Structure formats: structure tokens, C-alpha cells
Amino acid sequence: MTPSEVHRLHAPVKAWFQQQGWTPQAFQEEVWEAFARGQDGLLQAPTGSGKTYAAMGHVLSAAAVSKRSSRGVKLVWVAPLRA
């Protein structure tokens, strides 16, 4: 994915963050860029740090702009249950 494609992909997410008065955390932007490069990974961060926005931001952006893939966009979400 070219830098301009990455920018186009992330622009709606960053705009939404700005509308909320938020700034993406560095790790969130790193996750978005890794996803854009097609990399798999494991995201581990403390509760309340923004993991959901890191993972879902890119997935939703990719789904919105990627009309050419017949396979769609996939995300595997594993969360431990503490009881």
C-alpha cells in the first residue's frame, strides 16, 4: 500500500478523532500503519488505553474504502474473561 493510500485510509479515522477532540495515541497509529501494510499482529495494552479504537479504526476504514476485495475485511478479536 502506498503512502497516499495509507493516508486516504486513515483520514476518516483521524477526522473522527479530531471531531471528538481526541488525538490518536502513538501505538494506535502504529497499529493502523501495520494493518495497512498487511501485517498481522498482537495488540496488548492496559485497560482504557484505546485498544478498541486501534483495532476497529483500521478495520472500519478498510471496509469503507476497499470495494475491490471479494474476501472482505477480517478481524479476530480474542479477549480473556476475568470472572
PDB file of N, CA and C in Angstrom:
ATOM      1  N   MET A   1       0.843  -1.164   0.000  1.00  0.00           N
ATOM      2  CA  MET A   1       0.000   0.000   0.000  1.00  0.00           C
ATOM      3  C   MET A   1       0.896   1.237   0.000  1.00  0.00           C
ATOM      4  N   THR A   2       0.602   2.174  -0.880  1.00  0.00           N
ATOM      5  CA  THR A   2       1.420   3.379  -0.988  1.00  0.00           C
ATOM      6  C   THR A   2       1.107   4.335   0.161  1.00  0.00           C
ATOM      7  N   PRO A   3       2.026   5.280   0.451  1.00  0.00           N
ATOM      8  CA  PRO A   3       1.745   6.263   1.498  1.00  0.00           C
ATOM      9  C   PRO A   3       0.450   7.041   1.261  1.00  0.00           C
ATOM     10  N   SER A   4       0.140   7.367   0.010  1.00  0.00           N
ATOM     11  CA  SER A   4      -1.102   8.110  -0.244  1.00  0.00           C
ATOM     12  C   SER A   4      -2.328   7.242   0.038  1.00  0.00           C
ATOM     13  N   GLU A   5      -2.226   5.937  -0.244  1.00  0.00           N
ATOM     14  CA  GLU A   5      -3.340   5.035   0.073  1.00  0.00           C
ATOM     15  C   GLU A   5      -3.511   4.895   1.583  1.00  0.00           C
ATOM     16  N   VAL A   6      -2.398   4.832   2.304  1.00  0.00           N
ATOM     17  CA  VAL A   6      -2.465   4.762   3.761  1.00  0.00           C
ATOM     18  C   VAL A   6      -3.117   6.024   4.305  1.00  0.00           C
ATOM     19  N   HIS A   7      -2.709   7.183   3.784  1.00  0.00           N
ATOM     20  CA  HIS A   7      -3.298   8.449   4.237  1.00  0.00           C
ATOM     21  C   HIS A   7      -4.797   8.468   3.956  1.00  0.00           C
ATOM     22  N   ARG A   8      -5.195   8.045   2.755  1.00  0.00           N
ATOM     23  CA  ARG A   8      -6.614   8.032   2.395  1.00  0.00           C
ATOM     24  C   ARG A   8      -7.392   7.102   3.318  1.00  0.00           C
ATOM     25  N   LEU A   9      -6.789   5.992   3.650  1.00  0.00           N
ATOM     26  CA  LEU A   9      -7.426   5.020   4.518  1.00  0.00           C
ATOM     27  C   LEU A   9      -7.611   5.576   5.926  1.00  0.00           C
ATOM     28  N   HIS A  10      -6.608   6.241   6.437  1.00  0.00           N
ATOM     29  CA  HIS A  10      -6.652   6.712   7.816  1.00  0.00           C
ATOM     30  C   HIS A  10      -7.302   8.075   7.976  1.00  0.00           C
ATOM     31  N   ALA A  11      -7.460   8.821   6.906  1.00  0.00           N
ATOM     32  CA  ALA A  11      -8.023  10.171   7.003  1.00  0.00           C
ATOM     33  C   ALA A  11      -9.385  10.192   7.692  1.00  0.00           C
ATOM     34  N   PRO A  12     -10.332   9.308   7.346  1.00  0.00           N
ATOM     35  CA  PRO A  12     -11.628   9.353   8.033  1.00  0.00           C
ATOM     36  C   PRO A  12     -11.527   9.056   9.532  1.00  0.00           C
ATOM     37  N   VAL A  13     -10.641   8.134   9.899  1.00  0.00           N
ATOM     38  CA  VAL A  13     -10.474   7.805  11.316  1.00  0.00           C
ATOM     39  C   VAL A  13      -9.880   8.992  12.059  1.00  0.00           C
ATOM     40  N   LYS A  14      -8.838   9.593  11.493  1.00  0.00           N
ATOM     41  CA  LYS A  14      -8.213  10.745  12.142  1.00  0.00           C
ATOM     42  C   LYS A  14      -9.189  11.913  12.229  1.00  0.00           C
ATOM     43  N   ALA A  15     -10.004  12.103  11.192  1.00  0.00           N
ATOM     44  CA  ALA A  15     -11.010  13.176  11.216  1.00  0.00           C
ATOM     45  C   ALA A  15     -12.023  12.922  12.328  1.00  0.00           C
ATOM     46  N   TRP A  16     -12.435  11.671  12.482  1.00  0.00           N
ATOM     47  CA  TRP A  16     -13.381  11.340  13.548  1.00  0.00           C
ATOM     48  C   TRP A  16     -12.763  11.608  14.913  1.00  0.00           C
ATOM     49  N   PHE A  17     -11.497  11.226  15.098  1.00  0.00           N
ATOM     50  CA  PHE A  17     -10.801  11.511  16.355  1.00  0.00           C
ATOM     51  C   PHE A  17     -10.810  13.015  16.624  1.00  0.00           C
ATOM     52  N   GLN A  18     -10.508  13.820  15.613  1.00  0.00           N
ATOM     53  CA  GLN A  18     -10.483  15.275  15.781  1.00  0.00           C
ATOM     54  C   GLN A  18     -11.858  15.813  16.151  1.00  0.00           C
ATOM     55  N   GLN A  19     -12.908  15.270  15.541  1.00  0.00           N
ATOM     56  CA  GLN A  19     -14.267  15.708  15.869  1.00  0.00           C
ATOM     57  C   GLN A  19     -14.598  15.436  17.334  1.00  0.00           C
ATOM     58  N   GLN A  20     -14.015  14.391  17.888  1.00  0.00           N
ATOM     59  CA  GLN A  20     -14.244  14.063  19.295  1.00  0.00           C
ATOM     60  C   GLN A  20     -13.350  14.892  20.218  1.00  0.00           C
ATOM     61  N   GLY A  21     -12.405  15.633  19.627  1.00  0.00           N
ATOM     62  CA  GLY A  21     -11.448  16.388  20.426  1.00  0.00           C
ATOM     63  C   GLY A  21     -10.310  15.519  20.934  1.00  0.00           C
ATOM     64  N   TRP A  22     -10.071  14.402  20.266  1.00  0.00           N
ATOM     65  CA  TRP A  22      -9.041  13.451  20.677  1.00  0.00           C
ATOM     66  C   TRP A  22      -7.866  13.476  19.714  1.00  0.00           C
ATOM     67  N   THR A  23      -6.741  12.971  20.186  1.00  0.00           N
ATOM     68  CA  THR A  23      -5.556  12.762  19.358  1.00  0.00           C
ATOM     69  C   THR A  23      -5.201  11.280  19.451  1.00  0.00           C
ATOM     70  N   PRO A  24      -4.996  10.604  18.316  1.00  0.00           N
ATOM     71  CA  PRO A  24      -4.636   9.181  18.393  1.00  0.00           C
ATOM     72  C   PRO A  24      -3.334   8.978  19.169  1.00  0.00           C
ATOM     73  N   GLN A  25      -3.292   7.916  19.955  1.00  0.00           N
ATOM     74  CA  GLN A  25      -2.073   7.541  20.655  1.00  0.00           C
ATOM     75  C   GLN A  25      -1.068   7.025  19.625  1.00  0.00           C
ATOM     76  N   ALA A  26       0.204   7.115  19.951  1.00  0.00           N
ATOM     77  CA  ALA A  26       1.248   6.645  19.028  1.00  0.00           C
ATOM     78  C   ALA A  26       1.051   5.169  18.681  1.00  0.00           C
ATOM     79  N   PHE A  27       0.690   4.343  19.667  1.00  0.00           N
ATOM     80  CA  PHE A  27       0.525   2.915  19.381  1.00  0.00           C
ATOM     81  C   PHE A  27      -0.664   2.675  18.456  1.00  0.00           C
ATOM     82  N   GLN A  28      -1.698   3.520  18.531  1.00  0.00           N
ATOM     83  CA  GLN A  28      -2.844   3.359  17.636  1.00  0.00           C
ATOM     84  C   GLN A  28      -2.428   3.612  16.190  1.00  0.00           C
ATOM     85  N   GLU A  29      -1.662   4.671  15.978  1.00  0.00           N
ATOM     86  CA  GLU A  29      -1.196   4.963  14.620  1.00  0.00           C
ATOM     87  C   GLU A  29      -0.259   3.870  14.115  1.00  0.00           C
ATOM     88  N   GLU A  30       0.576   3.321  15.002  1.00  0.00           N
ATOM     89  CA  GLU A  30       1.456   2.215  14.603  1.00  0.00           C
ATOM     90  C   GLU A  30       0.633   1.000  14.167  1.00  0.00           C
ATOM     91  N   VAL A  31      -0.441   0.718  14.898  1.00  0.00           N
ATOM     92  CA  VAL A  31      -1.312  -0.409  14.545  1.00  0.00           C
ATOM     93  C   VAL A  31      -1.963  -0.161  13.190  1.00  0.00           C
ATOM     94  N   TRP A  32      -2.485   1.041  12.955  1.00  0.00           N
ATOM     95  CA  TRP A  32      -3.136   1.358  11.676  1.00  0.00           C
ATOM     96  C   TRP A  32      -2.154   1.186  10.519  1.00  0.00           C
ATOM     97  N   GLU A  33      -0.915   1.663  10.712  1.00  0.00           N
ATOM     98  CA  GLU A  33       0.087   1.553   9.647  1.00  0.00           C
ATOM     99  C   GLU A  33       0.474   0.090   9.401  1.00  0.00           C
ATOM    100  N   ALA A  34       0.598  -0.691  10.464  1.00  0.00           N
ATOM    101  CA  ALA A  34       0.927  -2.116  10.301  1.00  0.00           C
ATOM    102  C   ALA A  34      -0.192  -2.844   9.564  1.00  0.00           C
ATOM    103  N   PHE A  35      -1.441  -2.562   9.924  1.00  0.00           N
ATOM    104  CA  PHE A  35      -2.574  -3.163   9.216  1.00  0.00           C
ATOM    105  C   PHE A  35      -2.555  -2.766   7.752  1.00  0.00           C
ATOM    106  N   ALA A  36      -2.265  -1.511   7.475  1.00  0.00           N
ATOM    107  CA  ALA A  36      -2.250  -1.020   6.094  1.00  0.00           C
ATOM    108  C   ALA A  36      -1.170  -1.721   5.266  1.00  0.00           C
ATOM    109  N   ARG A  37      -0.076  -2.128   5.919  1.00  0.00           N
ATOM    110  CA  ARG A  37       0.990  -2.861   5.222  1.00  0.00           C
ATOM    111  C   ARG A  37       0.652  -4.345   5.083  1.00  0.00           C
ATOM    112  N   GLY A  38      -0.501  -4.748   5.608  1.00  0.00           N
ATOM    113  CA  GLY A  38      -0.910  -6.146   5.507  1.00  0.00           C
ATOM    114  C   GLY A  38      -0.318  -7.041   6.572  1.00  0.00           C
ATOM    115  N   GLN A  39       0.221  -6.449   7.622  1.00  0.00           N
ATOM    116  CA  GLN A  39       0.844  -7.239   8.676  1.00  0.00           C
ATOM    117  C   GLN A  39      -0.195  -7.734   9.677  1.00  0.00           C
ATOM    118  N   ASP A  40       0.078  -8.895  10.233  1.00  0.00           N
ATOM    119  CA  ASP A  40      -0.701  -9.423  11.341  1.00  0.00           C
ATOM    120  C   ASP A  40       0.008  -9.005  12.618  1.00  0.00           C
ATOM    121  N   GLY A  41      -0.688  -9.071  13.727  1.00  0.00           N
ATOM    122  CA  GLY A  41      -0.014  -8.709  14.952  1.00  0.00           C
ATOM    123  C   GLY A  41      -0.836  -9.001  16.181  1.00  0.00           C
ATOM    124  N   LEU A  42      -0.245  -8.714  17.303  1.00  0.00           N
ATOM    125  CA  LEU A  42      -0.873  -8.873  18.599  1.00  0.00           C
ATOM    126  C   LEU A  42      -0.826  -7.517  19.283  1.00  0.00           C
ATOM    127  N   LEU A  43      -1.959  -7.056  19.732  1.00  0.00           N
ATOM    128  CA  LEU A  43      -2.041  -5.760  20.407  1.00  0.00           C
ATOM    129  C   LEU A  43      -2.321  -6.009  21.877  1.00  0.00           C
ATOM    130  N   GLN A  44      -1.413  -5.563  22.719  1.00  0.00           N
ATOM    131  CA  GLN A  44      -1.588  -5.698  24.159  1.00  0.00           C
ATOM    132  C   GLN A  44      -1.341  -4.331  24.766  1.00  0.00           C
ATOM    133  N   ALA A  45      -2.321  -3.824  25.499  1.00  0.00           N
ATOM    134  CA  ALA A  45      -2.200  -2.515  26.135  1.00  0.00           C
ATOM    135  C   ALA A  45      -3.112  -2.500  27.358  1.00  0.00           C
ATOM    136  N   PRO A  46      -2.855  -1.599  28.297  1.00  0.00           N
ATOM    137  CA  PRO A  46      -3.667  -1.550  29.514  1.00  0.00           C
ATOM    138  C   PRO A  46      -5.136  -1.208  29.230  1.00  0.00           C
ATOM    139  N   THR A  47      -5.985  -1.572  30.165  1.00  0.00           N
ATOM    140  CA  THR A  47      -7.404  -1.247  30.083  1.00  0.00           C
ATOM    141  C   THR A  47      -7.583   0.264  29.952  1.00  0.00           C
ATOM    142  N   GLY A  48      -8.455   0.660  29.041  1.00  0.00           N
ATOM    143  CA  GLY A  48      -8.764   2.077  28.869  1.00  0.00           C
ATOM    144  C   GLY A  48      -7.762   2.856  28.043  1.00  0.00           C
ATOM    145  N   SER A  49      -6.826   2.173  27.397  1.00  0.00           N
ATOM    146  CA  SER A  49      -5.781   2.884  26.653  1.00  0.00           C
ATOM    147  C   SER A  49      -6.135   3.139  25.196  1.00  0.00           C
ATOM    148  N   GLY A  50      -7.192   2.483  24.684  1.00  0.00           N
ATOM    149  CA  GLY A  50      -7.594   2.720  23.304  1.00  0.00           C
ATOM    150  C   GLY A  50      -7.378   1.562  22.355  1.00  0.00           C
ATOM    151  N   LYS A  51      -7.326   0.340  22.885  1.00  0.00           N
ATOM    152  CA  LYS A  51      -7.125  -0.835  22.026  1.00  0.00           C
ATOM    153  C   LYS A  51      -8.242  -0.982  21.001  1.00  0.00           C
ATOM    154  N   THR A  52      -9.479  -0.782  21.436  1.00  0.00           N
ATOM    155  CA  THR A  52     -10.615  -0.950  20.525  1.00  0.00           C
ATOM    156  C   THR A  52     -10.502   0.005  19.354  1.00  0.00           C
ATOM    157  N   TYR A  53     -10.177   1.265  19.617  1.00  0.00           N
ATOM    158  CA  TYR A  53     -10.032   2.234  18.528  1.00  0.00           C
ATOM    159  C   TYR A  53      -8.843   1.888  17.640  1.00  0.00           C
ATOM    160  N   ALA A  54      -7.795   1.331  18.235  1.00  0.00           N
ATOM    161  CA  ALA A  54      -6.635   0.939  17.431  1.00  0.00           C
ATOM    162  C   ALA A  54      -7.016  -0.157  16.442  1.00  0.00           C
ATOM    163  N   ALA A  55      -7.722  -1.169  16.915  1.00  0.00           N
ATOM    164  CA  ALA A  55      -8.080  -2.293  16.045  1.00  0.00           C
ATOM    165  C   ALA A  55      -9.244  -1.961  15.125  1.00  0.00           C
ATOM    166  N   MET A  56     -10.300  -1.418  15.664  1.00  0.00           N
ATOM    167  CA  MET A  56     -11.512  -1.203  14.871  1.00  0.00           C
ATOM    168  C   MET A  56     -11.395  -0.012  13.923  1.00  0.00           C
ATOM    169  N   GLY A  57     -10.605   0.969  14.269  1.00  0.00           N
ATOM    170  CA  GLY A  57     -10.457   2.132  13.390  1.00  0.00           C
ATOM    171  C   GLY A  57     -10.005   1.739  12.006  1.00  0.00           C
ATOM    172  N   HIS A  58      -8.986   0.913  11.942  1.00  0.00           N
ATOM    173  CA  HIS A  58      -8.488   0.496  10.631  1.00  0.00           C
ATOM    174  C   HIS A  58      -9.469  -0.438   9.931  1.00  0.00           C
ATOM    175  N   VAL A  59     -10.056  -1.349  10.664  1.00  0.00           N
ATOM    176  CA  VAL A  59     -10.979  -2.307  10.052  1.00  0.00           C
ATOM    177  C   VAL A  59     -12.155  -1.576   9.411  1.00  0.00           C
ATOM    178  N   LEU A  60     -12.731  -0.619  10.119  1.00  0.00           N
ATOM    179  CA  LEU A  60     -13.864   0.132   9.568  1.00  0.00           C
ATOM    180  C   LEU A  60     -13.443   0.980   8.374  1.00  0.00           C
ATOM    181  N   SER A  61     -12.269   1.599   8.453  1.00  0.00           N
ATOM    182  CA  SER A  61     -11.774   2.386   7.318  1.00  0.00           C
ATOM    183  C   SER A  61     -11.542   1.502   6.107  1.00  0.00           C
ATOM    184  N   ALA A  62     -10.920   0.353   6.328  1.00  0.00           N
ATOM    185  CA  ALA A  62     -10.636  -0.559   5.220  1.00  0.00           C
ATOM    186  C   ALA A  62     -11.923  -1.039   4.575  1.00  0.00           C
ATOM    187  N   ALA A  63     -12.921  -1.340   5.382  1.00  0.00           N
ATOM    188  CA  ALA A  63     -14.200  -1.794   4.839  1.00  0.00           C
ATOM    189  C   ALA A  63     -14.859  -0.696   4.015  1.00  0.00           C
ATOM    190  N   ALA A  64     -14.709   0.542   4.438  1.00  0.00           N
ATOM    191  CA  ALA A  64     -15.347   1.662   3.742  1.00  0.00           C
ATOM    192  C   ALA A  64     -14.686   1.971   2.405  1.00  0.00           C
ATOM    193  N   VAL A  65     -13.364   1.817   2.312  1.00  0.00           N
ATOM    194  CA  VAL A  65     -12.670   2.217   1.081  1.00  0.00           C
ATOM    195  C   VAL A  65     -12.282   1.050   0.183  1.00  0.00           C
ATOM    196  N   SER A  66     -12.350  -0.170   0.682  1.00  0.00           N
ATOM    197  CA  SER A  66     -11.888  -1.321  -0.089  1.00  0.00           C
ATOM    198  C   SER A  66     -13.067  -2.057  -0.710  1.00  0.00           C
ATOM    199  N   LYS A  67     -13.481  -1.619  -1.860  1.00  0.00           N
ATOM    200  CA  LYS A  67     -14.595  -2.243  -2.566  1.00  0.00           C
ATOM    201  C   LYS A  67     -14.120  -3.385  -3.467  1.00  0.00           C
ATOM    202  N   ARG A  68     -12.815  -3.458  -3.727  1.00  0.00           N
ATOM    203  CA  ARG A  68     -12.313  -4.409  -4.721  1.00  0.00           C
ATOM    204  C   ARG A  68     -12.074  -5.811  -4.167  1.00  0.00           C
ATOM    205  N   SER A  69     -12.024  -5.974  -2.869  1.00  0.00           N
ATOM    206  CA  SER A  69     -11.724  -7.287  -2.303  1.00  0.00           C
ATOM    207  C   SER A  69     -13.002  -8.101  -2.119  1.00  0.00           C
ATOM    208  N   SER A  70     -13.036  -9.265  -2.730  1.00  0.00           N
ATOM    209  CA  SER A  70     -14.196 -10.138  -2.564  1.00  0.00           C
ATOM    210  C   SER A  70     -14.124 -10.908  -1.246  1.00  0.00           C
ATOM    211  N   ARG A  71     -12.945 -10.921  -0.636  1.00  0.00           N
ATOM    212  CA  ARG A  71     -12.776 -11.629   0.637  1.00  0.00           C
ATOM    213  C   ARG A  71     -13.246 -10.796   1.812  1.00  0.00           C
ATOM    214  N   GLY A  72     -13.384  -9.510   1.624  1.00  0.00           N
ATOM    215  CA  GLY A  72     -13.810  -8.647   2.718  1.00  0.00           C
ATOM    216  C   GLY A  72     -12.676  -8.331   3.670  1.00  0.00           C
ATOM    217  N   VAL A  73     -13.024  -7.758   4.781  1.00  0.00           N
ATOM    218  CA  VAL A  73     -12.066  -7.374   5.810  1.00  0.00           C
ATOM    219  C   VAL A  73     -12.339  -8.252   7.021  1.00  0.00           C
ATOM    220  N   LYS A  74     -11.289  -8.801   7.611  1.00  0.00           N
ATOM    221  CA  LYS A  74     -11.464  -9.718   8.731  1.00  0.00           C
ATOM    222  C   LYS A  74     -10.667  -9.253   9.944  1.00  0.00           C
ATOM    223  N   LEU A  75     -11.226  -9.505  11.114  1.00  0.00           N
ATOM    224  CA  LEU A  75     -10.561  -9.198  12.373  1.00  0.00           C
ATOM    225  C   LEU A  75     -10.859 -10.337  13.336  1.00  0.00           C
ATOM    226  N   VAL A  76      -9.827 -10.885  13.960  1.00  0.00           N
ATOM    227  CA  VAL A  76     -10.013 -11.879  15.012  1.00  0.00           C
ATOM    228  C   VAL A  76      -9.761 -11.164  16.327  1.00  0.00           C
ATOM    229  N   TRP A  77     -10.743 -11.191  17.200  1.00  0.00           N
ATOM    230  CA  TRP A  77     -10.656 -10.480  18.477  1.00  0.00           C
ATOM    231  C   TRP A  77     -10.689 -11.528  19.581  1.00  0.00           C
ATOM    232  N   VAL A  78      -9.616 -11.638  20.348  1.00  0.00           N
ATOM    233  CA  VAL A  78      -9.536 -12.585  21.454  1.00  0.00           C
ATOM    234  C   VAL A  78      -9.395 -11.776  22.730  1.00  0.00           C
ATOM    235  N   ALA A  79     -10.312 -12.009  23.658  1.00  0.00           N
ATOM    236  CA  ALA A  79     -10.272 -11.273  24.921  1.00  0.00           C
ATOM    237  C   ALA A  79     -10.466 -12.258  26.069  1.00  0.00           C
ATOM    238  N   PRO A  80      -9.565 -12.242  27.035  1.00  0.00           N
ATOM    239  CA  PRO A  80      -9.732 -13.149  28.172  1.00  0.00           C
ATOM    240  C   PRO A  80     -10.912 -12.702  29.037  1.00  0.00           C
ATOM    241  N   LEU A  81     -11.556 -13.661  29.645  1.00  0.00           N
ATOM    242  CA  LEU A  81     -12.663 -13.374  30.549  1.00  0.00           C
ATOM    243  C   LEU A  81     -12.150 -13.473  31.974  1.00  0.00           C
ATOM    244  N   ARG A  82     -12.334 -12.425  32.699  1.00  0.00           N
ATOM    245  CA  ARG A  82     -11.954 -12.450  34.117  1.00  0.00           C
ATOM    246  C   ARG A  82     -13.238 -12.559  34.926  1.00  0.00           C
ATOM    247  N   ALA A  83     -13.330 -13.603  35.679  1.00  0.00           N
ATOM    248  CA  ALA A  83     -14.557 -13.794  36.468  1.00  0.00           C
ATOM    249  C   ALA A  83     -14.232 -13.785  37.946  1.00  0.00           C
TER     250      ALA A  83
END
